[in-house]
C-alpha cells in the first residue's frame, strides 16, 4: 500500500443528474464541483467521481459471491476509517436507502476482516464502502 495515496478519478453513467445530485450531494454528503448539463463532479471522500448523463447505460451487470453474500459487479466505493464508515452507514440508513448487503463485518476472525456495506444509487450503480480495524489488512493474503 502506498503511504500517501493520491485521489482517483471515476466517471460513471447515471440516468438522471438531479437524482444523482440529491443522492451523492444530499445522502452521501459529497461536495459538488464543476458541472454541465451533461455531467457533475463530486468529491467522494477526497476522490473525484463524475456522474455522466447516459440514460439506459447505468446499473449493476451481475452478482459475485463473497463470503456468502451476493455482491454486485461492477461496483465502486471507498475504504474509510471505521468511525466514518459507521457514520455513513447510519446516514444512508436514515435516508431510507435500501442496502443490497447490510452493513456487517465479513471474513470475521480471518485475514482481511473488514466492515462492508453495499447499496445502489438512483441509477442502479452499485457502491461498496469498507473499513478495517487494521488498515494493514487491506492487501493481506
N, C-alpha and C. Protein backbone atom coordinates (compact mmCIF):
# COMPACT_ATOMS: atom_id res chain seq x y z
N UNK A 1 0.85 -1.18 0.00
CA UNK A 1 0.00 0.00 0.00
C UNK A 1 0.89 1.24 0.00
N UNK A 2 0.49 2.24 -0.73
CA UNK A 2 1.23 3.50 -0.80
C UNK A 2 0.98 4.31 0.47
N UNK A 3 2.04 4.92 1.01
CA UNK A 3 1.91 5.69 2.25
C UNK A 3 1.00 6.90 2.06
N UNK A 4 1.18 7.65 0.99
CA UNK A 4 0.34 8.81 0.72
C UNK A 4 -0.41 8.56 -0.58
N UNK A 5 -1.68 8.24 -0.45
CA UNK A 5 -2.47 7.95 -1.65
C UNK A 5 -2.87 9.22 -2.36
N UNK A 6 -2.95 9.15 -3.67
CA UNK A 6 -3.44 10.28 -4.45
C UNK A 6 -4.89 9.99 -4.83
N UNK A 7 -5.67 11.01 -5.09
CA UNK A 7 -7.08 10.80 -5.43
C UNK A 7 -7.24 10.02 -6.74
N UNK A 8 -8.24 9.16 -6.77
CA UNK A 8 -8.57 8.51 -8.04
C UNK A 8 -9.69 9.30 -8.70
N UNK A 9 -9.91 9.01 -9.98
CA UNK A 9 -10.97 9.63 -10.78
C UNK A 9 -11.80 8.51 -11.36
N UNK A 10 -13.11 8.64 -11.25
CA UNK A 10 -14.02 7.65 -11.82
C UNK A 10 -15.18 8.36 -12.46
N UNK A 11 -15.44 8.05 -13.72
CA UNK A 11 -16.61 8.55 -14.43
C UNK A 11 -17.59 7.40 -14.56
N UNK A 12 -18.87 7.66 -14.31
CA UNK A 12 -19.87 6.59 -14.33
C UNK A 12 -21.19 7.15 -14.88
N UNK A 13 -22.03 6.28 -15.45
CA UNK A 13 -23.28 6.73 -16.05
C UNK A 13 -24.42 6.85 -15.05
N UNK A 14 -25.25 7.85 -15.25
CA UNK A 14 -26.49 7.99 -14.49
C UNK A 14 -27.62 8.33 -15.45
N UNK A 15 -28.85 8.02 -15.05
CA UNK A 15 -29.98 8.31 -15.93
C UNK A 15 -30.64 9.65 -15.60
N UNK A 16 -30.27 10.26 -14.45
CA UNK A 16 -30.92 11.50 -14.01
C UNK A 16 -29.92 12.29 -13.17
N UNK A 17 -29.48 13.44 -13.67
CA UNK A 17 -28.48 14.23 -12.93
C UNK A 17 -29.05 14.83 -11.65
N UNK A 18 -30.33 15.22 -11.65
CA UNK A 18 -30.92 15.77 -10.43
C UNK A 18 -30.97 14.72 -9.34
N UNK A 19 -31.34 13.49 -9.69
CA UNK A 19 -31.35 12.40 -8.71
C UNK A 19 -29.94 12.10 -8.22
N UNK A 20 -28.96 12.15 -9.12
CA UNK A 20 -27.56 11.94 -8.73
C UNK A 20 -27.12 13.03 -7.76
N UNK A 21 -27.50 14.26 -8.05
CA UNK A 21 -27.14 15.40 -7.19
C UNK A 21 -27.74 15.22 -5.78
N UNK A 22 -29.01 14.80 -5.71
CA UNK A 22 -29.65 14.58 -4.41
C UNK A 22 -28.99 13.44 -3.66
N UNK A 23 -28.64 12.36 -4.37
CA UNK A 23 -28.07 11.19 -3.72
C UNK A 23 -26.62 11.44 -3.29
N UNK A 24 -25.76 11.81 -4.24
CA UNK A 24 -24.34 11.98 -3.91
C UNK A 24 -24.12 13.21 -3.04
N UNK A 25 -24.82 14.30 -3.33
CA UNK A 25 -24.67 15.50 -2.53
C UNK A 25 -25.44 15.44 -1.23
N UNK A 26 -26.70 15.06 -1.30
CA UNK A 26 -27.57 15.06 -0.12
C UNK A 26 -27.37 13.86 0.80
N UNK A 27 -27.49 12.65 0.26
CA UNK A 27 -27.40 11.45 1.09
C UNK A 27 -25.96 11.16 1.51
N UNK A 28 -25.04 11.13 0.55
CA UNK A 28 -23.66 10.78 0.87
C UNK A 28 -22.84 11.97 1.37
N UNK A 29 -23.32 13.19 1.15
CA UNK A 29 -22.61 14.37 1.64
C UNK A 29 -21.41 14.78 0.81
N UNK A 30 -21.40 14.41 -0.46
CA UNK A 30 -20.29 14.75 -1.35
C UNK A 30 -20.43 16.19 -1.82
N UNK A 31 -19.36 16.97 -1.66
CA UNK A 31 -19.37 18.33 -2.18
C UNK A 31 -19.39 18.27 -3.70
N UNK A 32 -20.14 19.17 -4.30
CA UNK A 32 -20.22 19.24 -5.76
C UNK A 32 -19.13 20.16 -6.29
N UNK A 33 -18.51 19.71 -7.36
CA UNK A 33 -17.51 20.53 -8.05
C UNK A 33 -18.13 21.16 -9.28
N UNK A 34 -17.38 21.09 -10.38
CA UNK A 34 -17.88 21.65 -11.63
C UNK A 34 -19.01 20.79 -12.17
N UNK A 35 -19.81 21.39 -13.07
CA UNK A 35 -20.88 20.62 -13.69
C UNK A 35 -21.25 21.27 -15.02
N UNK A 36 -22.01 20.52 -15.78
CA UNK A 36 -22.56 21.00 -17.05
C UNK A 36 -23.95 20.37 -17.14
N UNK A 37 -24.68 20.62 -18.21
CA UNK A 37 -25.96 19.94 -18.37
C UNK A 37 -25.82 18.42 -18.56
N UNK A 38 -24.60 17.94 -18.79
CA UNK A 38 -24.38 16.52 -19.07
C UNK A 38 -23.58 15.76 -18.01
N UNK A 39 -23.00 16.45 -17.02
CA UNK A 39 -22.20 15.77 -16.01
C UNK A 39 -22.05 16.62 -14.76
N UNK A 40 -21.70 15.95 -13.64
CA UNK A 40 -21.44 16.62 -12.36
C UNK A 40 -20.23 15.97 -11.70
N UNK A 41 -19.27 16.80 -11.26
CA UNK A 41 -18.14 16.33 -10.45
C UNK A 41 -18.57 16.29 -8.98
N UNK A 42 -18.17 15.24 -8.26
CA UNK A 42 -18.40 15.16 -6.82
C UNK A 42 -17.10 14.80 -6.12
N UNK A 43 -16.95 15.26 -4.90
CA UNK A 43 -15.82 14.92 -4.03
C UNK A 43 -16.28 13.78 -3.13
N UNK A 44 -15.87 12.56 -3.45
CA UNK A 44 -16.22 11.37 -2.68
C UNK A 44 -15.05 11.04 -1.76
N UNK A 45 -15.08 11.61 -0.54
CA UNK A 45 -14.02 11.38 0.44
C UNK A 45 -12.64 11.68 -0.14
N UNK A 46 -12.53 12.79 -0.89
CA UNK A 46 -11.25 13.21 -1.45
C UNK A 46 -10.95 12.68 -2.84
N UNK A 47 -11.87 11.90 -3.40
CA UNK A 47 -11.69 11.35 -4.74
C UNK A 47 -12.69 11.98 -5.69
N UNK A 48 -12.29 12.15 -6.94
CA UNK A 48 -13.16 12.79 -7.93
C UNK A 48 -13.98 11.74 -8.67
N UNK A 49 -15.30 11.82 -8.47
CA UNK A 49 -16.19 10.97 -9.25
C UNK A 49 -17.05 11.89 -10.11
N UNK A 50 -17.38 11.43 -11.30
CA UNK A 50 -18.13 12.26 -12.23
C UNK A 50 -19.34 11.47 -12.73
N UNK A 51 -20.52 11.98 -12.42
CA UNK A 51 -21.76 11.38 -12.89
C UNK A 51 -22.04 11.95 -14.28
N UNK A 52 -22.07 11.08 -15.28
CA UNK A 52 -22.34 11.49 -16.66
C UNK A 52 -23.74 11.04 -17.05
N UNK A 53 -24.50 11.95 -17.63
CA UNK A 53 -25.85 11.64 -18.07
C UNK A 53 -25.79 10.68 -19.27
N UNK A 54 -26.20 9.46 -19.05
CA UNK A 54 -26.21 8.40 -20.07
C UNK A 54 -27.43 7.52 -19.84
N UNK A 55 -28.62 8.01 -20.16
CA UNK A 55 -29.82 7.21 -19.89
C UNK A 55 -29.71 5.81 -20.49
N UNK A 56 -30.09 4.82 -19.70
CA UNK A 56 -30.07 3.44 -20.17
C UNK A 56 -28.74 2.74 -20.06
N UNK A 57 -27.69 3.44 -19.59
CA UNK A 57 -26.36 2.82 -19.57
C UNK A 57 -25.87 2.48 -18.16
N UNK A 58 -26.68 2.71 -17.13
CA UNK A 58 -26.19 2.50 -15.76
C UNK A 58 -26.76 1.23 -15.16
N UNK A 59 -26.22 0.88 -14.01
CA UNK A 59 -26.71 -0.27 -13.25
C UNK A 59 -25.73 -1.41 -13.21
N UNK A 60 -25.91 -2.25 -12.19
CA UNK A 60 -25.04 -3.41 -11.99
C UNK A 60 -25.35 -4.48 -13.04
N UNK A 61 -24.31 -5.17 -13.47
CA UNK A 61 -24.46 -6.16 -14.53
C UNK A 61 -24.65 -7.57 -13.99
N UNK A 62 -24.00 -7.92 -12.89
CA UNK A 62 -24.08 -9.29 -12.38
C UNK A 62 -23.76 -9.31 -10.90
N UNK A 63 -23.77 -10.52 -10.33
CA UNK A 63 -23.52 -10.70 -8.91
C UNK A 63 -22.44 -11.76 -8.73
N UNK A 64 -21.54 -11.54 -7.77
CA UNK A 64 -20.48 -12.48 -7.45
C UNK A 64 -20.57 -12.79 -5.95
N UNK A 65 -20.33 -14.02 -5.56
CA UNK A 65 -20.38 -14.40 -4.14
C UNK A 65 -19.06 -14.05 -3.46
N UNK A 66 -19.17 -13.34 -2.32
CA UNK A 66 -18.01 -13.01 -1.49
C UNK A 66 -18.42 -13.28 -0.05
N UNK A 67 -17.75 -14.21 0.60
CA UNK A 67 -18.03 -14.58 1.98
C UNK A 67 -19.52 -14.86 2.18
N UNK A 68 -20.13 -15.52 1.21
CA UNK A 68 -21.52 -15.93 1.31
C UNK A 68 -22.56 -14.91 0.87
N UNK A 69 -22.15 -13.70 0.57
CA UNK A 69 -23.10 -12.66 0.15
C UNK A 69 -22.95 -12.40 -1.35
N UNK A 70 -24.06 -12.14 -2.02
CA UNK A 70 -24.02 -11.76 -3.42
C UNK A 70 -23.70 -10.29 -3.54
N UNK A 71 -22.55 -9.97 -4.15
CA UNK A 71 -22.18 -8.56 -4.31
C UNK A 71 -22.29 -8.17 -5.78
N UNK A 72 -22.81 -6.97 -6.04
CA UNK A 72 -22.99 -6.53 -7.42
C UNK A 72 -21.66 -6.19 -8.08
N UNK A 73 -21.56 -6.56 -9.35
CA UNK A 73 -20.36 -6.27 -10.15
C UNK A 73 -20.84 -5.66 -11.46
N UNK A 74 -20.34 -4.49 -11.83
CA UNK A 74 -19.29 -3.73 -11.17
C UNK A 74 -19.83 -2.93 -9.98
N UNK A 75 -18.90 -2.45 -9.14
CA UNK A 75 -19.22 -1.54 -8.06
C UNK A 75 -17.98 -0.70 -7.75
N UNK A 76 -18.21 0.40 -7.02
CA UNK A 76 -17.09 1.24 -6.60
C UNK A 76 -17.39 1.81 -5.23
N UNK A 77 -16.38 2.35 -4.58
CA UNK A 77 -16.56 2.94 -3.27
C UNK A 77 -15.23 3.35 -2.68
N UNK A 78 -15.20 3.49 -1.36
CA UNK A 78 -14.02 3.97 -0.68
C UNK A 78 -13.80 3.16 0.59
N UNK A 79 -12.53 2.93 0.94
CA UNK A 79 -12.17 2.35 2.23
C UNK A 79 -12.06 3.52 3.21
N UNK A 80 -12.87 3.49 4.25
CA UNK A 80 -12.95 4.59 5.21
C UNK A 80 -12.40 4.18 6.57
N UNK A 81 -12.04 5.15 7.40
CA UNK A 81 -11.76 4.83 8.80
C UNK A 81 -13.06 4.30 9.44
N UNK A 82 -12.95 3.40 10.41
CA UNK A 82 -14.13 2.77 10.99
C UNK A 82 -15.18 3.77 11.49
N UNK A 83 -14.81 4.84 12.22
CA UNK A 83 -15.86 5.78 12.66
C UNK A 83 -16.60 6.44 11.49
N UNK A 84 -15.88 6.78 10.42
CA UNK A 84 -16.53 7.39 9.25
C UNK A 84 -17.44 6.38 8.56
N UNK A 85 -17.03 5.10 8.52
CA UNK A 85 -17.86 4.04 7.93
C UNK A 85 -19.15 3.89 8.72
N UNK A 86 -19.04 3.87 10.04
CA UNK A 86 -20.23 3.74 10.89
C UNK A 86 -21.17 4.93 10.71
N UNK A 87 -20.61 6.14 10.63
CA UNK A 87 -21.44 7.33 10.41
C UNK A 87 -22.14 7.28 9.06
N UNK A 88 -21.41 6.83 8.02
CA UNK A 88 -22.01 6.73 6.69
C UNK A 88 -23.13 5.70 6.68
N UNK A 89 -22.92 4.56 7.33
CA UNK A 89 -23.97 3.53 7.40
C UNK A 89 -25.24 4.11 8.02
N UNK A 90 -25.10 4.86 9.09
CA UNK A 90 -26.28 5.46 9.73
C UNK A 90 -26.92 6.53 8.85
N UNK A 91 -26.09 7.31 8.17
CA UNK A 91 -26.61 8.36 7.28
C UNK A 91 -27.42 7.74 6.13
N UNK A 92 -26.88 6.69 5.53
CA UNK A 92 -27.56 6.01 4.43
C UNK A 92 -28.85 5.36 4.93
N UNK A 93 -28.79 4.71 6.09
CA UNK A 93 -29.99 4.08 6.67
C UNK A 93 -31.06 5.13 6.97
N UNK A 94 -30.66 6.27 7.56
CA UNK A 94 -31.60 7.34 7.90
C UNK A 94 -32.25 7.94 6.66
N UNK A 95 -31.55 7.90 5.54
CA UNK A 95 -32.10 8.44 4.28
C UNK A 95 -33.06 7.45 3.63
N UNK A 96 -33.19 6.25 4.21
CA UNK A 96 -34.12 5.27 3.67
C UNK A 96 -33.59 4.49 2.47
N UNK A 97 -32.28 4.56 2.25
CA UNK A 97 -31.68 3.81 1.14
C UNK A 97 -31.67 2.34 1.51
N UNK A 98 -32.09 1.49 0.58
CA UNK A 98 -32.12 0.04 0.81
C UNK A 98 -30.72 -0.53 0.58
N UNK A 99 -30.24 -1.29 1.53
CA UNK A 99 -28.94 -1.94 1.39
C UNK A 99 -29.09 -3.21 0.57
N UNK A 100 -28.18 -3.41 -0.38
CA UNK A 100 -28.10 -4.67 -1.10
C UNK A 100 -27.42 -5.71 -0.22
N UNK A 101 -26.39 -5.27 0.50
CA UNK A 101 -25.72 -6.06 1.53
C UNK A 101 -25.67 -5.16 2.75
N UNK A 102 -26.37 -5.56 3.80
CA UNK A 102 -26.44 -4.77 5.03
C UNK A 102 -25.04 -4.55 5.62
N UNK A 103 -24.85 -3.43 6.31
CA UNK A 103 -23.57 -3.20 6.98
C UNK A 103 -23.26 -4.35 7.94
N UNK A 104 -22.09 -4.93 7.80
CA UNK A 104 -21.67 -6.04 8.64
C UNK A 104 -20.16 -6.24 8.52
N UNK A 105 -19.62 -7.13 9.33
CA UNK A 105 -18.20 -7.48 9.26
C UNK A 105 -18.09 -8.82 8.55
N UNK A 106 -17.29 -8.86 7.48
CA UNK A 106 -17.07 -10.12 6.78
C UNK A 106 -15.64 -10.60 7.00
N UNK A 107 -15.44 -11.87 6.73
CA UNK A 107 -14.15 -12.53 6.99
C UNK A 107 -13.78 -12.41 8.47
N UNK A 108 -14.81 -12.46 9.34
CA UNK A 108 -14.60 -12.29 10.78
C UNK A 108 -13.56 -13.29 11.31
N UNK A 109 -12.56 -12.75 12.00
CA UNK A 109 -11.51 -13.57 12.58
C UNK A 109 -10.50 -14.09 11.59
N UNK A 110 -10.60 -13.66 10.33
CA UNK A 110 -9.69 -14.12 9.28
C UNK A 110 -8.83 -12.97 8.79
N UNK A 111 -7.82 -13.32 8.01
CA UNK A 111 -7.02 -12.29 7.34
C UNK A 111 -7.98 -11.49 6.45
N UNK A 112 -7.86 -10.18 6.49
CA UNK A 112 -8.71 -9.33 5.67
C UNK A 112 -10.05 -8.99 6.28
N UNK A 113 -10.23 -9.26 7.59
CA UNK A 113 -11.50 -8.90 8.24
C UNK A 113 -11.83 -7.44 7.97
N UNK A 114 -13.08 -7.19 7.59
CA UNK A 114 -13.47 -5.84 7.19
C UNK A 114 -14.96 -5.61 7.39
N UNK A 115 -15.29 -4.37 7.67
CA UNK A 115 -16.69 -3.96 7.68
C UNK A 115 -17.04 -3.58 6.24
N UNK A 116 -18.24 -3.91 5.81
CA UNK A 116 -18.64 -3.61 4.43
C UNK A 116 -20.13 -3.34 4.36
N UNK A 117 -20.53 -2.64 3.34
CA UNK A 117 -21.95 -2.42 3.02
C UNK A 117 -22.05 -2.10 1.54
N UNK A 118 -23.16 -2.51 0.94
CA UNK A 118 -23.44 -2.24 -0.46
C UNK A 118 -24.82 -1.62 -0.58
N UNK A 119 -24.95 -0.67 -1.50
CA UNK A 119 -26.24 -0.10 -1.85
C UNK A 119 -26.14 0.48 -3.25
N UNK A 120 -27.30 0.79 -3.83
CA UNK A 120 -27.36 1.32 -5.19
C UNK A 120 -27.67 2.81 -5.16
N UNK A 121 -27.15 3.53 -6.14
CA UNK A 121 -27.56 4.92 -6.32
C UNK A 121 -28.88 4.92 -7.11
N UNK A 122 -29.50 6.07 -7.33
CA UNK A 122 -30.79 6.09 -8.03
C UNK A 122 -30.75 5.56 -9.46
N UNK A 123 -29.57 5.49 -10.06
CA UNK A 123 -29.44 4.94 -11.42
C UNK A 123 -29.09 3.46 -11.41
N UNK A 124 -29.00 2.86 -10.24
CA UNK A 124 -28.68 1.44 -10.14
C UNK A 124 -27.21 1.13 -10.11
N UNK A 125 -26.34 2.14 -9.99
CA UNK A 125 -24.90 1.91 -9.85
C UNK A 125 -24.63 1.41 -8.43
N UNK A 126 -23.87 0.35 -8.32
CA UNK A 126 -23.59 -0.24 -7.02
C UNK A 126 -22.37 0.41 -6.36
N UNK A 127 -22.50 0.67 -5.07
CA UNK A 127 -21.41 1.24 -4.27
C UNK A 127 -21.12 0.33 -3.10
N UNK A 128 -19.84 0.20 -2.78
CA UNK A 128 -19.40 -0.52 -1.59
C UNK A 128 -18.51 0.40 -0.78
N UNK A 129 -18.76 0.44 0.52
CA UNK A 129 -17.88 1.16 1.43
C UNK A 129 -17.37 0.15 2.45
N UNK A 130 -16.06 0.21 2.71
CA UNK A 130 -15.39 -0.73 3.61
C UNK A 130 -14.67 0.03 4.70
N UNK A 131 -14.34 -0.71 5.78
CA UNK A 131 -13.48 -0.19 6.83
C UNK A 131 -12.76 -1.37 7.47
N UNK A 132 -11.55 -1.12 7.93
CA UNK A 132 -10.73 -2.12 8.60
C UNK A 132 -10.34 -1.58 9.97
N UNK A 133 -10.36 -2.43 10.99
CA UNK A 133 -9.78 -2.03 12.27
C UNK A 133 -8.28 -1.90 12.11
N UNK A 134 -7.71 -2.72 11.20
CA UNK A 134 -6.28 -2.70 10.91
C UNK A 134 -6.12 -2.50 9.41
N UNK A 135 -5.85 -1.27 8.99
CA UNK A 135 -5.74 -0.97 7.56
C UNK A 135 -4.64 -1.78 6.89
N UNK A 136 -3.71 -2.30 7.66
CA UNK A 136 -2.66 -3.16 7.12
C UNK A 136 -3.22 -4.46 6.53
N UNK A 137 -4.48 -4.76 6.82
CA UNK A 137 -5.12 -5.96 6.29
C UNK A 137 -5.70 -5.74 4.88
N UNK A 138 -5.66 -4.52 4.39
CA UNK A 138 -6.27 -4.20 3.10
C UNK A 138 -5.81 -5.12 1.98
N UNK A 139 -4.52 -5.38 1.90
CA UNK A 139 -3.98 -6.24 0.84
C UNK A 139 -3.38 -7.53 1.39
N UNK A 140 -3.70 -7.86 2.63
CA UNK A 140 -3.13 -9.07 3.25
C UNK A 140 -3.62 -10.31 2.54
N UNK A 141 -2.73 -11.32 2.44
CA UNK A 141 -3.07 -12.59 1.79
C UNK A 141 -3.46 -13.61 2.82
